[in-house]
């Protein structure tokens, strides 16, 4: 095998975000762009010599070509073994499982998650560490630093690997092992859930629609739900992964999964509706006539996890991202377990999971998971819901309403203002930051501010400090508004405004979220002067 060492130079803008490096696909296709980032990552982890990795992605445009480049670079850098999903396919949770199961030194996951795919859309690469979780902040900082001083990369001059054929092949001294992407993940799910109870649920006439959104979970859902658990053929819709996700937006929320929402709110709705995103780590749950917010879903799953075999002895704790509603906090208090509020980004849950401090984790952005892997896991959440439904023998709506009556309801909504000019978004955030100290005690739109701060997180496991994680406004009467700039887009800035208002146990639970949150919204818009800074108060997406 001939190794080619090629001179290069740093490329601006290769700083990994909370979910790796995301750019437009054409940017990744530019000469040396991908190569620089991969070599910088290998340099940042101390080289690839003698190490093993997992590689796969969600099947979006440029996925296969990027995998071939990574394989050739891994071989040239002295890697011992690379495990690849057949046809380059691996859901993010399945990749995490393979890293952990095979005790590899990490893995490269090729995805831009819920962002659209195609040559004119988005692509992404992230490195997951040996625990199967996203690279922690210290490592992403080292990767970025390496991108700023890179001067060469190594790549093997060899033919492409046949990714369609399961089995092993060699690239010089490196073994490439192509595996069935579903097999080991399915085996893991069988250890967590009561598959017999779920089979009985389906055989008893339970109906379901799972929208795979032409993304990576199609093969996983078809094999597990239809072929293994006995759901009728056609339960999984849009189950074939496509490079452009069928020109759709693979984000499981009521906006982008509108056909599923329309079905679930109609007269002929099945018992359960569910969807997952581009790389399989997010989920949406809908009952007949009722949408379950991700924050409520997290709380309900935590409260009922003991009904599944893997969690029957109880959970050690719950973790949620700061913008996620406090519904899970109420469950943790009732169970007498710890509850942690972390910054946005699944990597912040990793230390807590590794230390055994928590079992269930979740984010308001439709991510839920447990200690079975170190990523959020969309299909896992759906299977846990099915297990709960099979045991409780109630409808989704009955379970949700019972939960609200037991714990109280946290009305919740998120407003996304997308593609905002970065200078305007930053100006608004800076102005709001400057006001925080003087806000408590003042009233806006009939809401009195009880606290105002910028969220920082002190990791209780490793002692690290993460600052500047979002601006929080608290209001008397258990109201809250949070402002964040999102790091998951590829154009301009996305301002996310999160709104919440809690009710007491046995309190009013039947209002529409937008009515319940109208006062908090009016106060947040007034305090931030959003219209003055960005000229908009109507979001692009409301969830």
Protein backbone atom coordinates (compact mmCIF):
# COMPACT_ATOMS: atom_id res chain seq x y z
CA UNK A 1 0.00 0.00 0.00
CA UNK A 2 1.40 3.35 -1.02
CA UNK A 3 0.93 6.22 1.45
CA UNK A 4 0.80 9.71 0.02
CA UNK A 5 1.75 12.58 2.33
CA UNK A 6 0.21 15.75 0.92
CA UNK A 7 1.00 19.32 1.89
CA UNK A 8 -1.97 21.41 2.99
CA UNK A 9 -2.80 24.60 4.91
CA UNK A 10 -5.37 25.50 7.57
CA UNK A 11 -8.91 26.21 6.38
CA UNK A 12 -10.96 28.72 8.32
CA UNK A 13 -14.19 27.75 10.03
CA UNK A 14 -13.45 24.17 11.03
CA UNK A 15 -14.49 24.58 14.66
CA UNK A 16 -16.69 21.67 15.80
CA UNK A 17 -19.96 22.63 17.44
CA UNK A 18 -22.11 20.69 19.88
CA UNK A 19 -22.64 18.03 17.21
CA UNK A 20 -19.39 18.10 15.27
CA UNK A 21 -18.60 20.10 12.14
CA UNK A 22 -21.56 21.02 9.94
CA UNK A 23 -21.39 22.89 6.67
CA UNK A 24 -23.01 22.87 3.27
CA UNK A 25 -22.29 19.66 1.36
CA UNK A 26 -20.44 21.52 -1.38
CA UNK A 27 -18.08 22.95 1.27
CA UNK A 28 -17.15 19.45 2.43
CA UNK A 29 -16.63 18.47 -1.22
CA UNK A 30 -14.03 21.20 -1.75
CA UNK A 31 -10.44 19.93 -2.16
CA UNK A 32 -8.80 19.05 1.17
CA UNK A 33 -11.71 20.30 3.31
CA UNK A 34 -12.73 16.89 4.63
CA UNK A 35 -9.14 15.62 4.59
CA UNK A 36 -7.93 18.50 6.76
CA UNK A 37 -10.61 17.95 9.36
CA UNK A 38 -10.11 14.18 9.54
CA UNK A 39 -6.33 14.52 9.83
CA UNK A 40 -6.71 17.21 12.49
CA UNK A 41 -9.01 14.91 14.46
CA UNK A 42 -6.55 12.03 14.24
CA UNK A 43 -3.75 14.36 15.31
CA UNK A 44 -5.83 15.60 18.25
CA UNK A 45 -6.37 12.09 19.62
CA UNK A 46 -2.65 11.30 19.49
CA UNK A 47 -2.64 9.66 16.07
CA UNK A 48 -4.33 6.57 14.67
CA UNK A 49 -1.43 4.13 15.02
CA UNK A 50 -2.68 0.73 16.24
CA UNK A 51 -6.16 2.10 16.99
CA UNK A 52 -9.62 0.95 15.94
CA UNK A 53 -12.62 3.01 14.87
CA UNK A 54 -16.25 2.79 13.82
CA UNK A 55 -17.37 4.70 10.71
CA UNK A 56 -20.86 5.21 9.28
CA UNK A 57 -23.52 7.76 8.56
CA UNK A 58 -27.13 8.51 7.77
CA UNK A 59 -26.85 7.93 4.02
CA UNK A 60 -27.14 11.56 2.97
CA UNK A 61 -25.43 12.87 -0.17
CA UNK A 62 -21.60 12.51 -0.05
CA UNK A 63 -21.82 9.90 2.72
CA UNK A 64 -20.18 7.07 0.78
CA UNK A 65 -17.47 9.20 -0.77
CA UNK A 66 -16.55 10.66 2.62
CA UNK A 67 -16.33 7.18 4.16
CA UNK A 68 -13.91 6.04 1.47
CA UNK A 69 -11.71 9.05 2.23
CA UNK A 70 -11.78 8.32 5.96
CA UNK A 71 -10.90 4.65 5.39
CA UNK A 72 -7.92 5.56 3.23
CA UNK A 73 -6.71 8.16 5.71
CA UNK A 74 -7.13 5.79 8.67
CA UNK A 75 -5.07 3.16 6.86
CA UNK A 76 -2.38 5.69 5.94
CA UNK A 77 -2.22 6.86 9.56
CA UNK A 78 -1.65 3.33 10.85
CA UNK A 79 -5.07 2.32 12.19
CA UNK A 80 -5.51 -1.37 13.00
CA UNK A 81 -9.26 -1.82 12.40
CA UNK A 82 -12.24 0.14 11.08
CA UNK A 83 -15.79 -1.19 11.45
CA UNK A 84 -18.20 0.18 8.84
CA UNK A 85 -21.95 -0.18 8.42
CA UNK A 86 -23.01 -1.93 5.21
CA UNK A 87 -23.47 0.60 2.40
CA UNK A 88 -22.05 3.19 4.79
CA UNK A 89 -25.24 3.18 6.88
CA UNK A 90 -25.20 3.49 10.67
CA UNK A 91 -27.65 5.35 12.86
CA UNK A 92 -25.94 7.49 15.47
CA UNK A 93 -27.11 5.32 18.41
CA UNK A 94 -26.11 2.16 16.52
CA UNK A 95 -22.65 3.64 15.95
CA UNK A 96 -22.38 4.44 19.65
CA UNK A 97 -23.33 0.86 20.46
CA UNK A 98 -20.68 -0.55 18.08
CA UNK A 99 -17.98 1.67 19.61
CA UNK A 100 -18.87 0.43 23.09
CA UNK A 101 -19.45 -3.19 22.11
CA UNK A 102 -16.15 -3.49 20.25
CA UNK A 103 -14.18 -1.28 22.65
CA UNK A 104 -12.84 0.82 19.78
CA UNK A 105 -10.93 4.06 20.24
CA UNK A 106 -13.83 6.09 18.91
CA UNK A 107 -15.72 6.62 15.69
CA UNK A 108 -16.57 9.01 12.89
CA UNK A 109 -20.30 9.64 12.37
CA UNK A 110 -21.23 11.32 9.11
CA UNK A 111 -24.45 13.25 9.51
CA UNK A 112 -25.99 16.66 9.89
CA UNK A 113 -28.71 15.07 12.03
CA UNK A 114 -32.11 16.66 11.35
CA UNK A 115 -30.83 19.10 8.70
CA UNK A 116 -31.84 18.57 5.04
CA UNK A 117 -29.55 16.55 2.78
CA UNK A 118 -28.43 16.82 -0.84
CA UNK A 119 -25.65 18.42 -2.84
CA UNK A 120 -27.03 21.89 -2.07
CA UNK A 121 -28.00 21.10 1.52
CA UNK A 122 -26.07 20.06 4.64
CA UNK A 123 -23.38 17.58 5.63
CA UNK A 124 -21.54 16.94 8.87
CA UNK A 125 -18.83 14.92 10.58
CA UNK A 126 -18.40 14.34 14.29
CA UNK A 127 -15.99 12.25 16.30
CA UNK A 128 -17.31 10.11 19.14
CA UNK A 129 -14.95 9.07 21.91
CA UNK A 130 -14.28 5.56 23.21
CA UNK A 131 -17.29 5.68 25.55
CA UNK A 132 -19.50 6.01 22.46
CA UNK A 133 -20.46 9.60 23.21
CA UNK A 134 -19.79 12.84 21.35
CA UNK A 135 -16.31 14.27 21.84
CA UNK A 136 -16.18 16.31 25.07
CA UNK A 137 -15.37 20.00 24.95
CA UNK A 138 -11.70 19.50 25.79
CA UNK A 139 -11.31 17.19 22.80
CA UNK A 140 -13.25 19.39 20.37
CA UNK A 141 -11.01 22.28 21.45
CA UNK A 142 -7.94 20.18 20.63
CA UNK A 143 -9.43 19.25 17.25
CA UNK A 144 -10.08 22.88 16.41
CA UNK A 145 -6.60 23.87 17.51
CA UNK A 146 -5.18 21.15 15.24
CA UNK A 147 -7.15 22.51 12.27
CA UNK A 148 -5.42 25.89 12.73
CA UNK A 149 -1.90 24.53 12.36
CA UNK A 150 -2.25 21.55 10.02
CA UNK A 151 0.33 21.47 7.23
CA UNK A 152 -0.03 17.95 5.80
CA UNK A 153 -2.28 14.91 5.72
CA UNK A 154 -1.75 11.26 4.87
CA UNK A 155 -3.92 9.16 2.56
CA UNK A 156 -3.48 5.71 1.05
CA UNK A 157 -3.50 5.32 -2.71
CA UNK A 158 -5.77 2.27 -2.90
CA UNK A 159 -9.04 1.25 -4.53
CA UNK A 160 -12.35 1.96 -2.82
CA UNK A 161 -13.68 -0.64 -0.40
CA UNK A 162 -16.82 -2.54 -1.42
CA UNK A 163 -19.22 -1.31 1.26
CA UNK A 164 -22.08 -3.46 -0.03
CA UNK A 165 -20.41 -6.76 0.93
CA UNK A 166 -20.49 -7.83 4.57
CA UNK A 167 -17.15 -9.23 5.68
CA UNK A 168 -13.52 -8.25 6.09
CA UNK A 169 -11.00 -6.83 3.66
CA UNK A 170 -7.57 -5.27 4.01
CA UNK A 171 -6.16 -1.86 3.27
CA UNK A 172 -2.47 -2.49 3.80
CA UNK A 173 -2.10 -3.49 7.46
CA UNK A 174 -5.60 -2.25 8.37
CA UNK A 175 -8.67 -4.48 8.51
CA UNK A 176 -11.96 -3.07 7.24
CA UNK A 177 -14.93 -4.96 8.68
CA UNK A 178 -18.27 -4.27 6.97
CA UNK A 179 -21.16 -5.24 9.27
CA UNK A 180 -24.93 -5.42 9.16
CA UNK A 181 -25.91 -1.99 10.57
CA UNK A 182 -29.07 -3.28 12.29
CA UNK A 183 -28.02 -6.62 13.79
CA UNK A 184 -26.14 -5.57 16.92
CA UNK A 185 -28.52 -2.69 17.64
CA UNK A 186 -31.54 -4.98 17.44
CA UNK A 187 -29.83 -7.45 19.78
CA UNK A 188 -29.29 -4.63 22.28
CA UNK A 189 -32.95 -3.59 22.14
CA UNK A 190 -34.01 -7.18 22.87
CA UNK A 191 -32.12 -7.01 26.17
CA UNK A 192 -33.85 -3.79 27.22
CA UNK A 193 -37.53 -4.33 26.43
CA UNK A 194 -40.23 -6.97 26.79
CA UNK A 195 -40.54 -7.92 23.13
CA UNK A 196 -43.15 -10.60 23.98
CA UNK A 197 -45.43 -8.00 25.58
CA UNK A 198 -45.05 -5.68 22.59
CA UNK A 199 -45.77 -8.57 20.18
CA UNK A 200 -48.95 -9.28 22.14
CA UNK A 201 -49.87 -5.59 21.88
CA UNK A 202 -49.67 -5.69 18.09
CA UNK A 203 -51.38 -9.08 17.82
CA UNK A 204 -54.24 -7.64 19.86
CA UNK A 205 -55.01 -5.07 17.17
CA UNK A 206 -52.85 -2.14 18.30
CA UNK A 207 -52.09 0.14 15.34
CA UNK A 208 -49.12 2.38 14.70
CA UNK A 209 -47.51 4.58 12.05
CA UNK A 210 -43.74 5.16 12.17
CA UNK A 211 -42.48 7.84 9.78
CA UNK A 212 -38.80 7.17 9.04
CA UNK A 213 -38.71 10.34 6.90
CA UNK A 214 -36.57 8.56 4.24
CA UNK A 215 -33.75 8.67 6.78
CA UNK A 216 -31.52 6.17 8.52
CA UNK A 217 -34.02 4.55 10.88
CA UNK A 218 -36.04 3.04 8.04
CA UNK A 219 -34.13 -0.28 8.00
CA UNK A 220 -33.98 -0.40 11.81
CA UNK A 221 -37.70 0.26 12.29
CA UNK A 222 -38.75 -2.15 9.55
CA UNK A 223 -36.65 -5.00 10.96
CA UNK A 224 -37.63 -4.43 14.59
CA UNK A 225 -41.24 -3.22 14.40
CA UNK A 226 -42.51 -5.20 11.43
CA UNK A 227 -40.24 -8.24 11.07
CA UNK A 228 -39.58 -8.93 14.76
CA UNK A 229 -42.47 -7.46 16.76
CA UNK A 230 -45.21 -8.28 14.27
CA UNK A 231 -46.49 -4.81 13.41
CA UNK A 232 -48.41 -5.02 10.13
CA UNK A 233 -46.55 -4.40 6.88
CA UNK A 234 -46.77 -0.70 6.06
CA UNK A 235 -46.49 0.39 9.70
CA UNK A 236 -43.17 1.98 8.72
CA UNK A 237 -43.66 4.78 6.19
CA UNK A 238 -40.90 6.40 4.13
CA UNK A 239 -38.62 3.57 5.22
CA UNK A 240 -36.00 3.66 2.45
CA UNK A 241 -33.06 6.00 3.22
CA UNK A 242 -32.47 8.49 0.41
CA UNK A 243 -29.53 10.82 -0.17
CA UNK A 244 -31.82 13.86 -0.08
CA UNK A 245 -34.40 12.39 2.34
CA UNK A 246 -36.96 12.53 -0.45
CA UNK A 247 -36.38 16.28 -0.61
CA UNK A 248 -37.87 16.51 2.87
CA UNK A 249 -36.62 17.95 6.12
CA UNK A 250 -35.84 14.96 8.39
CA UNK A 251 -36.72 16.72 11.64
CA UNK A 252 -39.39 14.89 13.69
CA UNK A 253 -41.61 17.75 14.79
CA UNK A 254 -45.19 18.80 13.98
CA UNK A 255 -44.01 21.09 11.17
CA UNK A 256 -41.80 18.75 9.17
CA UNK A 257 -43.74 15.58 9.99
CA UNK A 258 -47.05 17.21 9.06
CA UNK A 259 -48.48 14.20 7.18
CA UNK A 260 -48.07 12.11 10.32
CA UNK A 261 -49.60 14.86 12.47
CA UNK A 262 -52.57 15.17 10.10
CA UNK A 263 -53.11 11.41 10.28
CA UNK A 264 -52.91 11.35 14.09
CA UNK A 265 -55.37 14.22 14.47
CA UNK A 266 -57.84 12.67 12.04
CA UNK A 267 -60.80 10.35 12.48
CA UNK A 268 -58.91 7.24 11.37
CA UNK A 269 -55.80 7.79 13.47
CA UNK A 270 -53.82 4.75 14.64
CA UNK A 271 -53.12 4.27 18.34
CA UNK A 272 -49.55 5.59 18.16
CA UNK A 273 -47.65 7.82 15.77
CA UNK A 274 -43.87 8.18 15.88
CA UNK A 275 -41.05 9.57 13.78
CA UNK A 276 -37.29 9.80 13.83
CA UNK A 277 -34.75 12.11 12.21
CA UNK A 278 -31.89 11.98 9.71
CA UNK A 279 -29.42 10.02 11.83
CA UNK A 280 -31.88 8.27 14.12
CA UNK A 281 -31.17 9.98 17.41
CA UNK A 282 -34.33 12.10 17.73
CA UNK A 283 -37.97 11.08 18.08
CA UNK A 284 -41.51 12.39 18.01
CA UNK A 285 -44.39 10.74 19.85
CA UNK A 286 -48.03 11.41 18.98
CA UNK A 287 -51.10 9.71 20.35
CA UNK A 288 -54.54 9.69 18.77
CA UNK A 289 -55.48 13.36 18.97
CA UNK A 290 -52.57 14.37 21.22
CA UNK A 291 -49.00 15.52 20.56
CA UNK A 292 -46.54 14.63 23.31
CA UNK A 293 -43.90 17.34 23.73
CA UNK A 294 -40.32 16.03 24.04
CA UNK A 295 -40.14 17.51 27.56
CA UNK A 296 -43.28 15.65 28.62
CA UNK A 297 -42.12 12.48 26.88
CA UNK A 298 -38.86 12.54 28.85
CA UNK A 299 -40.76 12.91 32.13
CA UNK A 300 -43.28 10.18 31.28
CA UNK A 301 -40.58 7.74 30.17
CA UNK A 302 -38.63 8.36 33.37
CA UNK A 303 -41.73 7.89 35.53
CA UNK A 304 -42.62 4.62 33.78
CA UNK A 305 -39.20 3.18 32.91
CA UNK A 306 -39.56 0.52 35.62
CA UNK A 307 -42.16 -1.20 33.42
CA UNK A 308 -39.40 -2.28 31.00
CA UNK A 309 -37.06 -5.15 32.02
CA UNK A 310 -33.84 -3.11 31.77
CA UNK A 311 -35.08 -0.53 34.27
CA UNK A 312 -37.34 -2.62 36.53
CA UNK A 313 -35.09 -1.99 39.56
CA UNK A 314 -35.50 1.75 39.13
CA UNK A 315 -33.35 4.54 37.76
CA UNK A 316 -30.40 6.23 39.42
CA UNK A 317 -31.19 9.74 38.22
CA UNK A 318 -32.46 11.98 35.41
CA UNK A 319 -30.60 14.61 33.39
CA UNK A 320 -32.12 17.24 31.12
CA UNK A 321 -30.70 20.07 29.09
CA UNK A 322 -31.27 23.52 30.55
CA UNK A 323 -33.86 24.64 27.94
CA UNK A 324 -35.90 21.47 28.52
CA UNK A 325 -38.93 21.93 30.76
CA UNK A 326 -38.78 21.07 34.45
CA UNK A 327 -41.36 18.29 34.06
CA UNK A 328 -38.60 15.71 34.61
CA UNK A 329 -37.53 17.48 37.81
CA UNK A 330 -40.94 16.73 39.32
CA UNK A 331 -40.54 13.03 38.51
CA UNK A 332 -37.05 12.93 39.99
CA UNK A 333 -38.29 14.54 43.20
CA UNK A 334 -41.13 12.01 43.47
CA UNK A 335 -38.76 9.10 42.87
CA UNK A 336 -36.16 10.47 45.26
CA UNK A 337 -33.37 10.44 42.68
CA UNK A 338 -30.93 13.09 41.48
CA UNK A 339 -31.86 15.47 38.66
CA UNK A 340 -29.25 17.40 36.68
CA UNK A 341 -29.65 20.49 34.48
CA UNK A 342 -26.92 20.56 31.81
CA UNK A 343 -26.04 22.71 28.80
CA UNK A 344 -27.49 21.77 25.42
CA UNK A 345 -25.52 18.97 23.76
CA UNK A 346 -25.60 15.25 24.50
CA UNK A 347 -21.91 15.21 25.35
CA UNK A 348 -22.73 16.84 28.71
CA UNK A 349 -24.68 13.74 29.74
CA UNK A 350 -21.73 11.43 29.10
CA UNK A 351 -19.90 11.98 32.39
CA UNK A 352 -23.10 11.54 34.39
CA UNK A 353 -23.94 8.31 32.56
CA UNK A 354 -20.41 6.93 32.88
CA UNK A 355 -20.41 7.71 36.60
CA UNK A 356 -23.77 5.98 37.12
CA UNK A 357 -25.36 9.19 38.40
CA UNK A 358 -28.23 9.09 35.86
CA UNK A 359 -30.10 6.48 33.82
CA UNK A 360 -32.48 8.56 31.67
CA UNK A 361 -31.53 11.73 29.77
CA UNK A 362 -33.38 14.07 27.46
CA UNK A 363 -33.49 17.31 25.52
CA UNK A 364 -36.43 19.42 24.43
CA UNK A 365 -35.12 19.12 20.85
CA UNK A 366 -36.65 15.63 20.62
CA UNK A 367 -33.69 13.67 21.98
CA UNK A 368 -34.19 11.02 24.64
CA UNK A 369 -31.96 8.16 25.74
CA UNK A 370 -30.57 6.07 28.56
CA UNK A 371 -27.37 4.47 29.76
CA UNK A 372 -27.54 1.73 27.09
CA UNK A 373 -25.46 3.95 24.73
CA UNK A 374 -23.96 7.42 24.95
CA UNK A 375 -26.19 9.09 22.38
CA UNK A 376 -29.83 10.00 22.28
CA UNK A 377 -31.79 7.22 20.59
CA UNK A 378 -35.02 7.79 18.68
CA UNK A 379 -36.09 4.20 18.17
CA UNK A 380 -35.23 3.34 21.79
CA UNK A 381 -37.72 6.00 22.94
CA UNK A 382 -40.42 4.59 20.65
CA UNK A 383 -39.82 1.05 21.94
CA UNK A 384 -39.99 2.21 25.56
CA UNK A 385 -43.31 3.91 24.81
CA UNK A 386 -44.56 0.66 23.25
CA UNK A 387 -43.42 -1.30 26.31
CA UNK A 388 -45.26 1.13 28.61
CA UNK A 389 -48.41 1.01 26.47
CA UNK A 390 -48.28 -2.80 26.46
CA UNK A 391 -48.07 -2.98 30.26
CA UNK A 392 -50.41 -0.15 31.26
CA UNK A 393 -53.04 -1.02 28.62
CA UNK A 394 -54.05 2.63 28.31
CA UNK A 395 -54.00 5.04 25.40
CA UNK A 396 -51.28 7.64 24.92
CA UNK A 397 -53.75 10.38 25.86
CA UNK A 398 -54.77 8.57 29.06
CA UNK A 399 -51.14 8.11 30.11
CA UNK A 400 -50.29 11.76 29.41
CA UNK A 401 -53.32 13.13 31.25
CA UNK A 402 -52.73 10.82 34.20
CA UNK A 403 -49.14 12.09 34.35
CA UNK A 404 -50.28 15.72 34.42
CA UNK A 405 -52.77 15.02 37.19
CA UNK A 406 -50.11 13.20 39.21
CA UNK A 407 -47.20 15.62 38.80
CA UNK A 408 -48.69 18.84 37.41
CA UNK A 409 -48.23 20.14 33.89
CA UNK A 410 -45.36 22.20 32.47
CA UNK A 411 -46.79 24.12 29.53
CA UNK A 412 -43.97 24.46 27.05
CA UNK A 413 -43.11 25.75 23.58
CA UNK A 414 -40.06 26.60 21.49
CA UNK A 415 -39.85 29.36 18.87
CA UNK A 416 -37.12 29.13 16.22
CA UNK A 417 -36.12 32.28 14.34
CA UNK A 418 -33.95 30.89 11.54
CA UNK A 419 -31.35 32.42 9.20
CA UNK A 420 -31.10 35.63 11.22
CA UNK A 421 -28.18 37.87 10.26
CA UNK A 422 -25.45 36.92 12.72
CA UNK A 423 -24.59 40.51 13.61
CA UNK A 424 -28.22 41.29 14.48
CA UNK A 425 -28.66 38.09 16.50
CA UNK A 426 -25.47 38.75 18.45
CA UNK A 427 -26.44 42.39 19.06
CA UNK A 428 -29.77 41.31 20.54
CA UNK A 429 -28.14 38.72 22.79
CA UNK A 430 -25.45 41.15 23.93
CA UNK A 431 -28.03 43.81 24.78
CA UNK A 432 -30.13 41.33 26.73
CA UNK A 433 -27.05 40.05 28.55
CA UNK A 434 -26.28 43.61 29.62
CA UNK A 435 -29.77 44.00 31.13
CA UNK A 436 -29.86 40.85 33.22
CA UNK A 437 -28.58 42.23 36.52
CA UNK A 438 -31.23 44.94 36.69
CA UNK A 439 -34.27 42.90 35.65
CA UNK A 440 -35.34 41.11 38.87
CA UNK A 441 -38.30 42.88 40.47
CA UNK A 442 -39.33 44.66 37.27
CA UNK A 443 -42.61 43.85 35.49
CA UNK A 444 -43.12 43.45 31.74
CA UNK A 445 -46.43 42.62 30.04
CA UNK A 446 -47.87 41.84 33.46
CA UNK A 447 -45.06 39.41 34.36
CA UNK A 448 -42.70 40.14 37.27
CA UNK A 449 -39.13 38.96 36.81
CA UNK A 450 -37.98 36.75 39.70
CA UNK A 451 -34.48 35.99 38.35
CA UNK A 452 -32.35 36.68 35.30
CA UNK A 453 -28.98 35.09 34.57
CA UNK A 454 -26.65 33.46 32.07
CA UNK A 455 -26.53 29.72 32.61
CA UNK A 456 -23.23 28.09 33.55
CA UNK A 457 -22.68 24.41 34.31
CA UNK A 458 -20.23 22.96 36.78
CA UNK A 459 -19.76 19.28 35.91
CA UNK A 460 -20.11 17.32 39.17
CA UNK A 461 -17.98 14.46 37.81
CA UNK A 462 -14.88 16.08 36.31
CA UNK A 463 -15.19 19.58 37.77
CA UNK A 464 -15.16 21.33 34.38
CA UNK A 465 -17.01 24.64 33.95
CA UNK A 466 -19.09 25.47 30.86
CA UNK A 467 -20.12 29.11 30.70
CA UNK A 468 -22.32 31.24 28.42
CA UNK A 469 -24.88 28.49 27.84
CA UNK A 470 -28.02 30.59 27.43
CA UNK A 471 -29.85 33.58 28.91
CA UNK A 472 -32.61 32.76 31.40
CA UNK A 473 -35.53 34.87 32.61
CA UNK A 474 -37.67 33.59 35.48
CA UNK A 475 -41.09 35.01 36.28
CA UNK A 476 -43.29 34.84 39.36
CA UNK A 477 -45.84 32.06 39.01
CA UNK A 478 -43.37 29.44 37.72
CA UNK A 479 -42.81 31.03 34.31
CA UNK A 480 -39.54 30.94 32.40
CA UNK A 481 -38.07 32.15 29.11
CA UNK A 482 -34.69 31.10 27.71
CA UNK A 483 -32.79 32.65 24.79
CA UNK A 484 -30.06 30.72 22.95
CA UNK A 485 -28.18 30.93 19.69
CA UNK A 486 -28.25 27.48 18.13
CA UNK A 487 -25.10 25.82 16.82
CA UNK A 488 -26.80 23.25 14.56
CA UNK A 489 -27.49 25.36 11.47
CA UNK A 490 -25.22 26.13 8.54
CA UNK A 491 -26.47 29.60 7.50
CA UNK A 492 -26.67 32.76 9.60
CA UNK A 493 -27.86 32.35 13.17
CA UNK A 494 -30.88 30.65 14.68
CA UNK A 495 -32.36 32.34 17.75
CA UNK A 496 -34.23 29.89 19.92
CA UNK A 497 -36.73 31.17 22.46
CA UNK A 498 -38.02 28.60 24.96
CA UNK A 499 -41.15 29.34 27.00
CA UNK A 500 -42.45 27.48 30.04
CA UNK A 501 -45.07 27.83 32.76
CA UNK A 502 -45.75 25.16 35.36
CA UNK A 503 -48.95 24.25 37.17
CA UNK A 504 -49.40 22.62 40.54
CA UNK A 505 -50.43 18.99 41.02
CA UNK A 506 -54.13 18.75 40.23
CA UNK A 507 -54.13 22.19 38.61
CA UNK A 508 -55.41 23.32 35.22
CA UNK A 509 -54.00 21.10 32.45
CA UNK A 510 -56.37 21.61 29.51
CA UNK A 511 -55.28 25.00 28.16
CA UNK A 512 -53.52 25.25 24.81
CA UNK A 513 -49.79 25.84 25.32
CA UNK A 514 -49.83 29.10 23.36
CA UNK A 515 -52.66 30.49 25.49
CA UNK A 516 -50.98 29.37 28.71
CA UNK A 517 -47.68 30.92 27.62
CA UNK A 518 -48.96 34.17 26.09
CA UNK A 519 -47.94 36.32 29.05
CA UNK A 520 -44.44 34.82 29.27
CA UNK A 521 -44.01 35.30 25.51
CA UNK A 522 -45.11 38.95 25.61
CA UNK A 523 -42.70 39.69 28.47
CA UNK A 524 -39.80 37.92 26.74
CA UNK A 525 -40.32 39.82 23.49
CA UNK A 526 -40.55 43.14 25.32
CA UNK A 527 -37.44 42.57 27.43
CA UNK A 528 -35.34 41.39 24.46
CA UNK A 529 -36.70 43.97 21.99
CA UNK A 530 -36.56 41.25 19.39
CA UNK A 531 -38.54 43.21 16.85
CA UNK A 532 -36.21 46.17 17.21
CA UNK A 533 -33.10 44.07 16.70
CA UNK A 534 -34.09 41.52 14.05
CA UNK A 535 -37.39 42.96 12.73
CA UNK A 536 -39.33 39.79 13.52
CA UNK A 537 -41.52 38.38 16.26
CA UNK A 538 -43.08 35.52 14.27
CA UNK A 539 -40.97 32.36 14.37
CA UNK A 540 -40.17 30.15 11.39
CA UNK A 541 -40.90 27.02 13.42
CA UNK A 542 -43.00 26.59 16.57
CA UNK A 543 -42.83 23.36 18.54
